[in-house]
Amino acid sequence: EAEILDVCTDECEAGELWLSIRLKNTGETAVPSGTMLSIYGLDGVQEVYITTTTLTQEIEAGWSSESFQVGLYAEDIEGMNGILVRADDDGTGTGMLQECSELDNAVQADDAFCP
């Protein structure tokens, strides 16, 4: 389960926006390090790929990751009407983990923009 903890706009003048993200493992098995997380811009109902990052730590069942930051270029999200963060996604919508439900892997932020 992806969770956006904070949207930092302090560096927007330099063209960067930072997301603070945490992943919760609500499953029954560990999420291995190396699992990917992708970020998409939302252009209406279409998802526009922006970037992918990789977990550097395993997340045991029932635990959460440490928070980590992902930087985005303001120009990549300009004109978008939201940001989607999806856990277990390699940037093509494909994951490596077998899950009963993928529905809790994504979280949307409608306020992740530079002012």
PDB file of N, CA and C in Angstrom:
ATOM      1  N   GLU A   1       0.852  -1.167   0.000  1.00  0.00           N
ATOM      2  CA  GLU A   1       0.000   0.000   0.000  1.00  0.00           C
ATOM      3  C   GLU A   1       0.900   1.233   0.000  1.00  0.00           C
ATOM      4  N   ALA A   2       0.736   2.077  -0.994  1.00  0.00           N
ATOM      5  CA  ALA A   2       1.518   3.307  -1.097  1.00  0.00           C
ATOM      6  C   ALA A   2       0.829   4.426  -0.324  1.00  0.00           C
ATOM      7  N   GLU A   3       1.638   5.287   0.255  1.00  0.00           N
ATOM      8  CA  GLU A   3       1.117   6.411   1.035  1.00  0.00           C
ATOM      9  C   GLU A   3       2.004   7.630   0.784  1.00  0.00           C
ATOM     10  N   ILE A   4       1.403   8.742   0.401  1.00  0.00           N
ATOM     11  CA  ILE A   4       2.138   9.998   0.233  1.00  0.00           C
ATOM     12  C   ILE A   4       2.035  10.756   1.541  1.00  0.00           C
ATOM     13  N   LEU A   5       3.174  10.947   2.195  1.00  0.00           N
ATOM     14  CA  LEU A   5       3.197  11.615   3.493  1.00  0.00           C
ATOM     15  C   LEU A   5       3.270  13.129   3.374  1.00  0.00           C
ATOM     16  N   ASP A   6       3.974  13.610   2.339  1.00  0.00           N
ATOM     17  CA  ASP A   6       4.186  15.050   2.214  1.00  0.00           C
ATOM     18  C   ASP A   6       4.504  15.389   0.767  1.00  0.00           C
ATOM     19  N   VAL A   7       4.114  16.580   0.365  1.00  0.00           N
ATOM     20  CA  VAL A   7       4.490  17.154  -0.927  1.00  0.00           C
ATOM     21  C   VAL A   7       5.267  18.420  -0.613  1.00  0.00           C
ATOM     22  N   CYS A   8       6.554  18.426  -0.964  1.00  0.00           N
ATOM     23  CA  CYS A   8       7.412  19.565  -0.647  1.00  0.00           C
ATOM     24  C   CYS A   8       7.610  20.425  -1.891  1.00  0.00           C
ATOM     25  N   THR A   9       7.196  21.675  -1.787  1.00  0.00           N
ATOM     26  CA  THR A   9       7.303  22.613  -2.900  1.00  0.00           C
ATOM     27  C   THR A   9       8.411  23.650  -2.683  1.00  0.00           C
ATOM     28  N   ASP A  10       9.268  23.439  -1.683  1.00  0.00           N
ATOM     29  CA  ASP A  10      10.323  24.411  -1.362  1.00  0.00           C
ATOM     30  C   ASP A  10      11.284  24.657  -2.517  1.00  0.00           C
ATOM     31  N   GLU A  11      11.457  23.675  -3.394  1.00  0.00           N
ATOM     32  CA  GLU A  11      12.419  23.820  -4.487  1.00  0.00           C
ATOM     33  C   GLU A  11      11.747  24.003  -5.839  1.00  0.00           C
ATOM     34  N   CYS A  12      10.502  24.448  -5.817  1.00  0.00           N
ATOM     35  CA  CYS A  12       9.775  24.661  -7.070  1.00  0.00           C
ATOM     36  C   CYS A  12      10.431  25.730  -7.947  1.00  0.00           C
ATOM     37  N   GLU A  13      11.011  26.739  -7.341  1.00  0.00           N
ATOM     38  CA  GLU A  13      11.675  27.779  -8.144  1.00  0.00           C
ATOM     39  C   GLU A  13      12.844  27.196  -8.933  1.00  0.00           C
ATOM     40  N   ALA A  14      13.443  26.125  -8.421  1.00  0.00           N
ATOM     41  CA  ALA A  14      14.522  25.428  -9.126  1.00  0.00           C
ATOM     42  C   ALA A  14      13.961  24.354 -10.067  1.00  0.00           C
ATOM     43  N   GLY A  15      12.620  24.233 -10.124  1.00  0.00           N
ATOM     44  CA  GLY A  15      11.990  23.290 -11.037  1.00  0.00           C
ATOM     45  C   GLY A  15      11.807  21.893 -10.489  1.00  0.00           C
ATOM     46  N   GLU A  16      11.867  21.735  -9.151  1.00  0.00           N
ATOM     47  CA  GLU A  16      11.719  20.410  -8.557  1.00  0.00           C
ATOM     48  C   GLU A  16      10.618  20.376  -7.512  1.00  0.00           C
ATOM     49  N   LEU A  17       9.946  19.258  -7.454  1.00  0.00           N
ATOM     50  CA  LEU A  17       8.921  18.972  -6.457  1.00  0.00           C
ATOM     51  C   LEU A  17       9.307  17.636  -5.828  1.00  0.00           C
ATOM     52  N   TRP A  18       9.188  17.531  -4.511  1.00  0.00           N
ATOM     53  CA  TRP A  18       9.584  16.310  -3.813  1.00  0.00           C
ATOM     54  C   TRP A  18       8.384  15.670  -3.146  1.00  0.00           C
ATOM     55  N   LEU A  19       8.260  14.355  -3.300  1.00  0.00           N
ATOM     56  CA  LEU A  19       7.233  13.582  -2.623  1.00  0.00           C
ATOM     57  C   LEU A  19       7.894  12.753  -1.535  1.00  0.00           C
ATOM     58  N   SER A  20       7.310  12.739  -0.348  1.00  0.00           N
ATOM     59  CA  SER A  20       7.742  11.863   0.734  1.00  0.00           C
ATOM     60  C   SER A  20       6.750  10.698   0.750  1.00  0.00           C
ATOM     61  N   ILE A  21       7.270   9.489   0.582  1.00  0.00           N
ATOM     62  CA  ILE A  21       6.432   8.308   0.373  1.00  0.00           C
ATOM     63  C   ILE A  21       6.783   7.237   1.401  1.00  0.00           C
ATOM     64  N   ARG A  22       5.786   6.470   1.793  1.00  0.00           N
ATOM     65  CA  ARG A  22       5.995   5.302   2.648  1.00  0.00           C
ATOM     66  C   ARG A  22       5.141   4.171   2.079  1.00  0.00           C
ATOM     67  N   LEU A  23       5.661   2.971   2.173  1.00  0.00           N
ATOM     68  CA  LEU A  23       4.908   1.800   1.750  1.00  0.00           C
ATOM     69  C   LEU A  23       4.552   0.948   2.956  1.00  0.00           C
ATOM     70  N   LYS A  24       3.297   0.510   3.003  1.00  0.00           N
ATOM     71  CA  LYS A  24       2.844  -0.393   4.059  1.00  0.00           C
ATOM     72  C   LYS A  24       2.619  -1.766   3.447  1.00  0.00           C
ATOM     73  N   ASN A  25       3.102  -2.778   4.124  1.00  0.00           N
ATOM     74  CA  ASN A  25       2.899  -4.149   3.669  1.00  0.00           C
ATOM     75  C   ASN A  25       1.750  -4.749   4.457  1.00  0.00           C
ATOM     76  N   THR A  26       0.574  -4.770   3.854  1.00  0.00           N
ATOM     77  CA  THR A  26      -0.604  -5.334   4.510  1.00  0.00           C
ATOM     78  C   THR A  26      -0.795  -6.807   4.145  1.00  0.00           C
ATOM     79  N   GLY A  27       0.162  -7.355   3.386  1.00  0.00           N
ATOM     80  CA  GLY A  27       0.092  -8.759   2.988  1.00  0.00           C
ATOM     81  C   GLY A  27       0.647  -9.685   4.063  1.00  0.00           C
ATOM     82  N   GLU A  28       0.749 -10.948   3.706  1.00  0.00           N
ATOM     83  CA  GLU A  28       1.192 -11.970   4.654  1.00  0.00           C
ATOM     84  C   GLU A  28       2.624 -12.429   4.428  1.00  0.00           C
ATOM     85  N   THR A  29       3.261 -11.921   3.373  1.00  0.00           N
ATOM     86  CA  THR A  29       4.660 -12.257   3.110  1.00  0.00           C
ATOM     87  C   THR A  29       5.457 -10.966   2.937  1.00  0.00           C
ATOM     88  N   ALA A  30       6.754 -11.062   3.099  1.00  0.00           N
ATOM     89  CA  ALA A  30       7.616  -9.882   2.990  1.00  0.00           C
ATOM     90  C   ALA A  30       7.641  -9.349   1.555  1.00  0.00           C
ATOM     91  N   VAL A  31       7.734  -8.024   1.444  1.00  0.00           N
ATOM     92  CA  VAL A  31       7.969  -7.369   0.158  1.00  0.00           C
ATOM     93  C   VAL A  31       9.483  -7.241   0.025  1.00  0.00           C
ATOM     94  N   PRO A  32      10.081  -7.849  -1.000  1.00  0.00           N
ATOM     95  CA  PRO A  32      11.542  -7.853  -1.082  1.00  0.00           C
ATOM     96  C   PRO A  32      12.126  -6.512  -1.509  1.00  0.00           C
ATOM     97  N   SER A  33      13.369  -6.257  -1.082  1.00  0.00           N
ATOM     98  CA  SER A  33      14.067  -5.100  -1.623  1.00  0.00           C
ATOM     99  C   SER A  33      14.196  -5.345  -3.125  1.00  0.00           C
ATOM    100  N   GLY A  34      14.246  -4.277  -3.880  1.00  0.00           N
ATOM    101  CA  GLY A  34      14.269  -4.392  -5.334  1.00  0.00           C
ATOM    102  C   GLY A  34      12.897  -4.246  -5.962  1.00  0.00           C
ATOM    103  N   THR A  35      11.850  -4.257  -5.130  1.00  0.00           N
ATOM    104  CA  THR A  35      10.501  -4.032  -5.649  1.00  0.00           C
ATOM    105  C   THR A  35      10.417  -2.594  -6.148  1.00  0.00           C
ATOM    106  N   MET A  36       9.791  -2.406  -7.306  1.00  0.00           N
ATOM    107  CA  MET A  36       9.725  -1.081  -7.916  1.00  0.00           C
ATOM    108  C   MET A  36       8.436  -0.342  -7.577  1.00  0.00           C
ATOM    109  N   LEU A  37       8.522   0.969  -7.642  1.00  0.00           N
ATOM    110  CA  LEU A  37       7.408   1.872  -7.401  1.00  0.00           C
ATOM    111  C   LEU A  37       7.451   2.908  -8.516  1.00  0.00           C
ATOM    112  N   SER A  38       6.343   3.134  -9.182  1.00  0.00           N
ATOM    113  CA  SER A  38       6.318   4.080 -10.294  1.00  0.00           C
ATOM    114  C   SER A  38       5.377   5.236 -10.015  1.00  0.00           C
ATOM    115  N   ILE A  39       5.690   6.355 -10.642  1.00  0.00           N
ATOM    116  CA  ILE A  39       4.897   7.566 -10.487  1.00  0.00           C
ATOM    117  C   ILE A  39       4.407   7.991 -11.865  1.00  0.00           C
ATOM    118  N   TYR A  40       3.124   8.313 -11.906  1.00  0.00           N
ATOM    119  CA  TYR A  40       2.471   8.726 -13.134  1.00  0.00           C
ATOM    120  C   TYR A  40       1.801  10.079 -12.924  1.00  0.00           C
ATOM    121  N   GLY A  41       1.762  10.883 -13.959  1.00  0.00           N
ATOM    122  CA  GLY A  41       0.934  12.075 -13.970  1.00  0.00           C
ATOM    123  C   GLY A  41      -0.430  11.681 -14.509  1.00  0.00           C
ATOM    124  N   LEU A  42      -1.461  12.326 -14.021  1.00  0.00           N
ATOM    125  CA  LEU A  42      -2.816  12.047 -14.497  1.00  0.00           C
ATOM    126  C   LEU A  42      -3.263  13.180 -15.403  1.00  0.00           C
ATOM    127  N   ASP A  43      -3.495  12.836 -16.654  1.00  0.00           N
ATOM    128  CA  ASP A  43      -3.954  13.785 -17.660  1.00  0.00           C
ATOM    129  C   ASP A  43      -5.373  13.373 -18.027  1.00  0.00           C
ATOM    130  N   GLY A  44      -6.330  13.919 -17.281  1.00  0.00           N
ATOM    131  CA  GLY A  44      -7.699  13.432 -17.410  1.00  0.00           C
ATOM    132  C   GLY A  44      -7.755  12.044 -16.790  1.00  0.00           C
ATOM    133  N   VAL A  45      -8.112  11.041 -17.578  1.00  0.00           N
ATOM    134  CA  VAL A  45      -8.131   9.666 -17.080  1.00  0.00           C
ATOM    135  C   VAL A  45      -6.902   8.883 -17.531  1.00  0.00           C
ATOM    136  N   GLN A  46      -6.056   9.492 -18.365  1.00  0.00           N
ATOM    137  CA  GLN A  46      -4.868   8.819 -18.869  1.00  0.00           C
ATOM    138  C   GLN A  46      -3.695   8.969 -17.899  1.00  0.00           C
ATOM    139  N   GLU A  47      -2.981   7.858 -17.654  1.00  0.00           N
ATOM    140  CA  GLU A  47      -1.783   7.872 -16.823  1.00  0.00           C
ATOM    141  C   GLU A  47      -0.562   8.092 -17.718  1.00  0.00           C
ATOM    142  N   VAL A  48       0.249   9.102 -17.355  1.00  0.00           N
ATOM    143  CA  VAL A  48       1.449   9.429 -18.120  1.00  0.00           C
ATOM    144  C   VAL A  48       2.655   9.083 -17.252  1.00  0.00           C
ATOM    145  N   TYR A  49       3.453   8.130 -17.687  1.00  0.00           N
ATOM    146  CA  TYR A  49       4.601   7.682 -16.910  1.00  0.00           C
ATOM    147  C   TYR A  49       5.595   8.818 -16.678  1.00  0.00           C
ATOM    148  N   ILE A  50       6.088   8.932 -15.416  1.00  0.00           N
ATOM    149  CA  ILE A  50       7.088   9.943 -15.074  1.00  0.00           C
ATOM    150  C   ILE A  50       8.401   9.293 -14.656  1.00  0.00           C
ATOM    151  N   THR A  51       8.370   8.428 -13.643  1.00  0.00           N
ATOM    152  CA  THR A  51       9.616   7.840 -13.154  1.00  0.00           C
ATOM    153  C   THR A  51       9.345   6.577 -12.345  1.00  0.00           C
ATOM    154  N   THR A  52      10.411   5.816 -12.119  1.00  0.00           N
ATOM    155  CA  THR A  52      10.358   4.610 -11.289  1.00  0.00           C
ATOM    156  C   THR A  52      11.503   4.655 -10.296  1.00  0.00           C
ATOM    157  N   THR A  53      11.248   4.194  -9.089  1.00  0.00           N
ATOM    158  CA  THR A  53      12.294   4.056  -8.082  1.00  0.00           C
ATOM    159  C   THR A  53      12.216   2.639  -7.519  1.00  0.00           C
ATOM    160  N   THR A  54      13.288   2.203  -6.884  1.00  0.00           N
ATOM    161  CA  THR A  54      13.386   0.840  -6.384  1.00  0.00           C
ATOM    162  C   THR A  54      13.540   0.836  -4.864  1.00  0.00           C
ATOM    163  N   LEU A  55      12.810  -0.038  -4.193  1.00  0.00           N
ATOM    164  CA  LEU A  55      12.944  -0.179  -2.740  1.00  0.00           C
ATOM    165  C   LEU A  55      14.325  -0.725  -2.402  1.00  0.00           C
ATOM    166  N   THR A  56      14.937  -0.140  -1.409  1.00  0.00           N
ATOM    167  CA  THR A  56      16.268  -0.587  -0.993  1.00  0.00           C
ATOM    168  C   THR A  56      16.215  -1.442   0.268  1.00  0.00           C
ATOM    169  N   GLN A  57      15.020  -1.651   0.786  1.00  0.00           N
ATOM    170  CA  GLN A  57      14.870  -2.438   2.004  1.00  0.00           C
ATOM    171  C   GLN A  57      13.684  -3.389   1.870  1.00  0.00           C
ATOM    172  N   GLU A  58      13.783  -4.531   2.520  1.00  0.00           N
ATOM    173  CA  GLU A  58      12.667  -5.461   2.585  1.00  0.00           C
ATOM    174  C   GLU A  58      11.649  -4.923   3.583  1.00  0.00           C
ATOM    175  N   ILE A  59      10.370  -5.160   3.316  1.00  0.00           N
ATOM    176  CA  ILE A  59       9.315  -4.754   4.244  1.00  0.00           C
ATOM    177  C   ILE A  59       8.606  -6.020   4.720  1.00  0.00           C
ATOM    178  N   GLU A  60       8.765  -6.326   5.995  1.00  0.00           N
ATOM    179  CA  GLU A  60       8.136  -7.516   6.564  1.00  0.00           C
ATOM    180  C   GLU A  60       6.610  -7.364   6.559  1.00  0.00           C
ATOM    181  N   ALA A  61       5.916  -8.480   6.552  1.00  0.00           N
ATOM    182  CA  ALA A  61       4.450  -8.479   6.607  1.00  0.00           C
ATOM    183  C   ALA A  61       3.981  -7.715   7.837  1.00  0.00           C
ATOM    184  N   GLY A  62       3.012  -6.824   7.639  1.00  0.00           N
ATOM    185  CA  GLY A  62       2.457  -6.055   8.743  1.00  0.00           C
ATOM    186  C   GLY A  62       3.262  -4.822   9.127  1.00  0.00           C
ATOM    187  N   TRP A  63       4.339  -4.537   8.412  1.00  0.00           N
ATOM    188  CA  TRP A  63       5.200  -3.391   8.728  1.00  0.00           C
ATOM    189  C   TRP A  63       5.180  -2.368   7.594  1.00  0.00           C
ATOM    190  N   SER A  64       5.734  -1.195   7.872  1.00  0.00           N
ATOM    191  CA  SER A  64       5.862  -0.122   6.887  1.00  0.00           C
ATOM    192  C   SER A  64       7.331   0.163   6.619  1.00  0.00           C
ATOM    193  N   SER A  65       7.597   0.717   5.454  1.00  0.00           N
ATOM    194  CA  SER A  65       8.956   1.139   5.130  1.00  0.00           C
ATOM    195  C   SER A  65       9.264   2.447   5.850  1.00  0.00           C
ATOM    196  N   GLU A  66      10.536   2.781   5.901  1.00  0.00           N
ATOM    197  CA  GLU A  66      10.928   4.138   6.293  1.00  0.00           C
ATOM    198  C   GLU A  66      10.412   5.051   5.188  1.00  0.00           C
ATOM    199  N   SER A  67      10.172   6.309   5.505  1.00  0.00           N
ATOM    200  CA  SER A  67       9.768   7.224   4.439  1.00  0.00           C
ATOM    201  C   SER A  67      10.977   7.487   3.547  1.00  0.00           C
ATOM    202  N   PHE A  68      10.712   7.731   2.287  1.00  0.00           N
ATOM    203  CA  PHE A  68      11.774   8.065   1.341  1.00  0.00           C
ATOM    204  C   PHE A  68      11.256   9.144   0.403  1.00  0.00           C
ATOM    205  N   GLN A  69      12.177   9.876  -0.190  1.00  0.00           N
ATOM    206  CA  GLN A  69      11.815  11.002  -1.031  1.00  0.00           C
ATOM    207  C   GLN A  69      12.079  10.674  -2.495  1.00  0.00           C
ATOM    208  N   VAL A  70      11.156  11.150  -3.336  1.00  0.00           N
ATOM    209  CA  VAL A  70      11.299  11.028  -4.783  1.00  0.00           C
ATOM    210  C   VAL A  70      11.140  12.424  -5.361  1.00  0.00           C
ATOM    211  N   GLY A  71      12.135  12.857  -6.119  1.00  0.00           N
ATOM    212  CA  GLY A  71      12.084  14.164  -6.762  1.00  0.00           C
ATOM    213  C   GLY A  71      11.476  14.075  -8.146  1.00  0.00           C
ATOM    214  N   LEU A  72      10.644  15.053  -8.455  1.00  0.00           N
ATOM    215  CA  LEU A  72      10.026  15.146  -9.778  1.00  0.00           C
ATOM    216  C   LEU A  72      10.368  16.503 -10.378  1.00  0.00           C
ATOM    217  N   TYR A  73      10.549  16.529 -11.683  1.00  0.00           N
ATOM    218  CA  TYR A  73      10.731  17.806 -12.366  1.00  0.00           C
ATOM    219  C   TYR A  73       9.367  18.450 -12.541  1.00  0.00           C
ATOM    220  N   ALA A  74       9.273  19.714 -12.168  1.00  0.00           N
ATOM    221  CA  ALA A  74       7.999  20.432 -12.249  1.00  0.00           C
ATOM    222  C   ALA A  74       7.437  20.395 -13.671  1.00  0.00           C
ATOM    223  N   GLU A  75       8.309  20.445 -14.669  1.00  0.00           N
ATOM    224  CA  GLU A  75       7.836  20.443 -16.057  1.00  0.00           C
ATOM    225  C   GLU A  75       7.174  19.118 -16.437  1.00  0.00           C
ATOM    226  N   ASP A  76       7.549  18.024 -15.760  1.00  0.00           N
ATOM    227  CA  ASP A  76       6.945  16.718 -16.059  1.00  0.00           C
ATOM    228  C   ASP A  76       5.507  16.609 -15.575  1.00  0.00           C
ATOM    229  N   ILE A  77       5.142  17.422 -14.597  1.00  0.00           N
ATOM    230  CA  ILE A  77       3.779  17.343 -14.058  1.00  0.00           C
ATOM    231  C   ILE A  77       2.936  18.568 -14.418  1.00  0.00           C
ATOM    232  N   GLU A  78       3.539  19.502 -15.151  1.00  0.00           N
ATOM    233  CA  GLU A  78       2.807  20.701 -15.557  1.00  0.00           C
ATOM    234  C   GLU A  78       1.632  20.310 -16.452  1.00  0.00           C
ATOM    235  N   GLY A  79       0.467  20.849 -16.153  1.00  0.00           N
ATOM    236  CA  GLY A  79      -0.730  20.558 -16.928  1.00  0.00           C
ATOM    237  C   GLY A  79      -1.459  19.288 -16.505  1.00  0.00           C
ATOM    238  N   MET A  80      -0.877  18.520 -15.618  1.00  0.00           N
ATOM    239  CA  MET A  80      -1.532  17.308 -15.134  1.00  0.00           C
ATOM    240  C   MET A  80      -2.555  17.684 -14.062  1.00  0.00           C
ATOM    241  N   ASN A  81      -3.549  16.829 -13.852  1.00  0.00           N
ATOM    242  CA  ASN A  81      -4.539  17.122 -12.824  1.00  0.00           C
ATOM    243  C   ASN A  81      -4.418  16.179 -11.632  1.00  0.00           C
ATOM    244  N   GLY A  82      -3.257  15.539 -11.482  1.00  0.00           N
ATOM    245  CA  GLY A  82      -3.002  14.675 -10.342  1.00  0.00           C
ATOM    246  C   GLY A  82      -1.743  13.856 -10.553  1.00  0.00           C
ATOM    247  N   ILE A  83      -1.313  13.231  -9.467  1.00  0.00           N
ATOM    248  CA  ILE A  83      -0.157  12.329  -9.476  1.00  0.00           C
ATOM    249  C   ILE A  83      -0.631  10.993  -8.918  1.00  0.00           C
ATOM    250  N   LEU A  84      -0.186   9.906  -9.523  1.00  0.00           N
ATOM    251  CA  LEU A  84      -0.500   8.568  -9.050  1.00  0.00           C
ATOM    252  C   LEU A  84       0.804   7.870  -8.694  1.00  0.00           C
ATOM    253  N   VAL A  85       0.888   7.362  -7.472  1.00  0.00           N
ATOM    254  CA  VAL A  85       2.040   6.584  -7.020  1.00  0.00           C
ATOM    255  C   VAL A  85       1.558   5.147  -6.898  1.00  0.00           C
ATOM    256  N   ARG A  86       2.240   4.220  -7.606  1.00  0.00           N
ATOM    257  CA  ARG A  86       1.807   2.825  -7.593  1.00  0.00           C
ATOM    258  C   ARG A  86       2.972   1.918  -7.187  1.00  0.00           C
ATOM    259  N   ALA A  87       2.778   1.185  -6.098  1.00  0.00           N
ATOM    260  CA  ALA A  87       3.766   0.217  -5.624  1.00  0.00           C
ATOM    261  C   ALA A  87       3.710  -1.042  -6.489  1.00  0.00           C
ATOM    262  N   ASP A  88       4.823  -1.766  -6.535  1.00  0.00           N
ATOM    263  CA  ASP A  88       4.949  -2.988  -7.317  1.00  0.00           C
ATOM    264  C   ASP A  88       4.582  -2.735  -8.769  1.00  0.00           C
ATOM    265  N   ASP A  89       5.232  -1.739  -9.362  1.00  0.00           N
ATOM    266  CA  ASP A  89       4.988  -1.328 -10.743  1.00  0.00           C
ATOM    267  C   ASP A  89       6.322  -0.938 -11.356  1.00  0.00           C
ATOM    268  N   ASP A  90       6.666  -1.570 -12.465  1.00  0.00           N
ATOM    269  CA  ASP A  90       7.957  -1.313 -13.104  1.00  0.00           C
ATOM    270  C   ASP A  90       7.925  -0.183 -14.126  1.00  0.00           C
ATOM    271  N   GLY A  91       6.828   0.552 -14.180  1.00  0.00           N
ATOM    272  CA  GLY A  91       6.693   1.648 -15.137  1.00  0.00           C
ATOM    273  C   GLY A  91       5.873   1.267 -16.353  1.00  0.00           C
ATOM    274  N   THR A  92       5.497  -0.003 -16.428  1.00  0.00           N
ATOM    275  CA  THR A  92       4.644  -0.473 -17.524  1.00  0.00           C
ATOM    276  C   THR A  92       3.301  -0.975 -17.007  1.00  0.00           C
ATOM    277  N   GLY A  93       3.084  -0.799 -15.685  1.00  0.00           N
ATOM    278  CA  GLY A  93       1.869  -1.319 -15.074  1.00  0.00           C
ATOM    279  C   GLY A  93       2.022  -2.755 -14.611  1.00  0.00           C
ATOM    280  N   THR A  94       3.238  -3.304 -14.735  1.00  0.00           N
ATOM    281  CA  THR A  94       3.497  -4.686 -14.373  1.00  0.00           C
ATOM    282  C   THR A  94       4.250  -4.767 -13.057  1.00  0.00           C
ATOM    283  N   GLY A  95       3.845  -5.668 -12.191  1.00  0.00           N
ATOM    284  CA  GLY A  95       4.515  -5.875 -10.922  1.00  0.00           C
ATOM    285  C   GLY A  95       5.148  -7.251 -10.861  1.00  0.00           C
ATOM    286  N   MET A  96       5.981  -7.463  -9.839  1.00  0.00           N
ATOM    287  CA  MET A  96       6.642  -8.758  -9.687  1.00  0.00           C
ATOM    288  C   MET A  96       6.044  -9.598  -8.565  1.00  0.00           C
ATOM    289  N   LEU A  97       5.194  -8.989  -7.744  1.00  0.00           N
ATOM    290  CA  LEU A  97       4.628  -9.698  -6.596  1.00  0.00           C
ATOM    291  C   LEU A  97       3.262 -10.285  -6.933  1.00  0.00           C
ATOM    292  N   GLN A  98       3.034 -11.511  -6.493  1.00  0.00           N
ATOM    293  CA  GLN A  98       1.728 -12.149  -6.647  1.00  0.00           C
ATOM    294  C   GLN A  98       0.862 -11.704  -5.473  1.00  0.00           C
ATOM    295  N   GLU A  99      -0.256 -11.042  -5.755  1.00  0.00           N
ATOM    296  CA  GLU A  99      -1.121 -10.516  -4.699  1.00  0.00           C
ATOM    297  C   GLU A  99      -2.565 -10.894  -4.970  1.00  0.00           C
ATOM    298  N   CYS A 100      -3.340 -11.004  -3.891  1.00  0.00           N
ATOM    299  CA  CYS A 100      -4.773 -11.254  -4.035  1.00  0.00           C
ATOM    300  C   CYS A 100      -5.457 -10.050  -4.675  1.00  0.00           C
ATOM    301  N   SER A 101      -5.050  -8.860  -4.253  1.00  0.00           N
ATOM    302  CA  SER A 101      -5.639  -7.626  -4.769  1.00  0.00           C
ATOM    303  C   SER A 101      -4.548  -6.590  -4.973  1.00  0.00           C
ATOM    304  N   GLU A 102      -4.561  -5.971  -6.132  1.00  0.00           N
ATOM    305  CA  GLU A 102      -3.618  -4.898  -6.456  1.00  0.00           C
ATOM    306  C   GLU A 102      -4.224  -3.527  -6.138  1.00  0.00           C
ATOM    307  N   LEU A 103      -5.468  -3.500  -5.675  1.00  0.00           N
ATOM    308  CA  LEU A 103      -6.188  -2.243  -5.518  1.00  0.00           C
ATOM    309  C   LEU A 103      -5.567  -1.300  -4.495  1.00  0.00           C
ATOM    310  N   ASP A 104      -4.863  -1.825  -3.483  1.00  0.00           N
ATOM    311  CA  ASP A 104      -4.291  -0.941  -2.461  1.00  0.00           C
ATOM    312  C   ASP A 104      -2.861  -0.506  -2.790  1.00  0.00           C
ATOM    313  N   ASN A 105      -2.394  -0.810  -3.988  1.00  0.00           N
ATOM    314  CA  ASN A 105      -1.023  -0.458  -4.361  1.00  0.00           C
ATOM    315  C   ASN A 105      -0.871   0.983  -4.829  1.00  0.00           C
ATOM    316  N   ALA A 106      -1.953   1.657  -5.100  1.00  0.00           N
ATOM    317  CA  ALA A 106      -1.871   3.000  -5.676  1.00  0.00           C
ATOM    318  C   ALA A 106      -2.516   4.044  -4.779  1.00  0.00           C
ATOM    319  N   VAL A 107      -1.931   5.235  -4.833  1.00  0.00           N
ATOM    320  CA  VAL A 107      -2.506   6.379  -4.130  1.00  0.00           C
ATOM    321  C   VAL A 107      -2.399   7.584  -5.054  1.00  0.00           C
ATOM    322  N   GLN A 108      -3.434   8.405  -5.040  1.00  0.00           N
ATOM    323  CA  GLN A 108      -3.486   9.589  -5.898  1.00  0.00           C
ATOM    324  C   GLN A 108      -3.377  10.848  -5.060  1.00  0.00           C
ATOM    325  N   ALA A 109      -2.645  11.818  -5.580  1.00  0.00           N
ATOM    326  CA  ALA A 109      -2.552  13.144  -4.936  1.00  0.00           C
ATOM    327  C   ALA A 109      -2.963  14.185  -5.959  1.00  0.00           C
ATOM    328  N   ASP A 110      -3.966  14.946  -5.617  1.00  0.00           N
ATOM    329  CA  ASP A 110      -4.425  15.999  -6.522  1.00  0.00           C
ATOM    330  C   ASP A 110      -3.756  17.335  -6.246  1.00  0.00           C
ATOM    331  N   ASP A 111      -2.914  17.396  -5.181  1.00  0.00           N
ATOM    332  CA  ASP A 111      -2.293  18.661  -4.792  1.00  0.00           C
ATOM    333  C   ASP A 111      -0.765  18.649  -4.974  1.00  0.00           C
ATOM    334  N   ALA A 112      -0.245  17.716  -5.761  1.00  0.00           N
ATOM    335  CA  ALA A 112       1.200  17.581  -5.922  1.00  0.00           C
ATOM    336  C   ALA A 112       1.676  18.401  -7.119  1.00  0.00           C
ATOM    337  N   PHE A 113       1.670  19.732  -6.933  1.00  0.00           N
ATOM    338  CA  PHE A 113       2.072  20.636  -7.998  1.00  0.00           C
ATOM    339  C   PHE A 113       2.844  21.803  -7.431  1.00  0.00           C
ATOM    340  N   CYS A 114       3.656  22.386  -8.287  1.00  0.00           N
ATOM    341  CA  CYS A 114       4.315  23.636  -7.904  1.00  0.00           C
ATOM    342  C   CYS A 114       3.325  24.767  -8.070  1.00  0.00           C
ATOM    343  N   PRO A 115       3.330  25.689  -7.096  1.00  0.00           N
ATOM    344  CA  PRO A 115       2.360  26.806  -7.185  1.00  0.00           C
ATOM    345  C   PRO A 115       2.701  27.761  -8.321  1.00  0.00           C
TER     346      PRO A 115
END
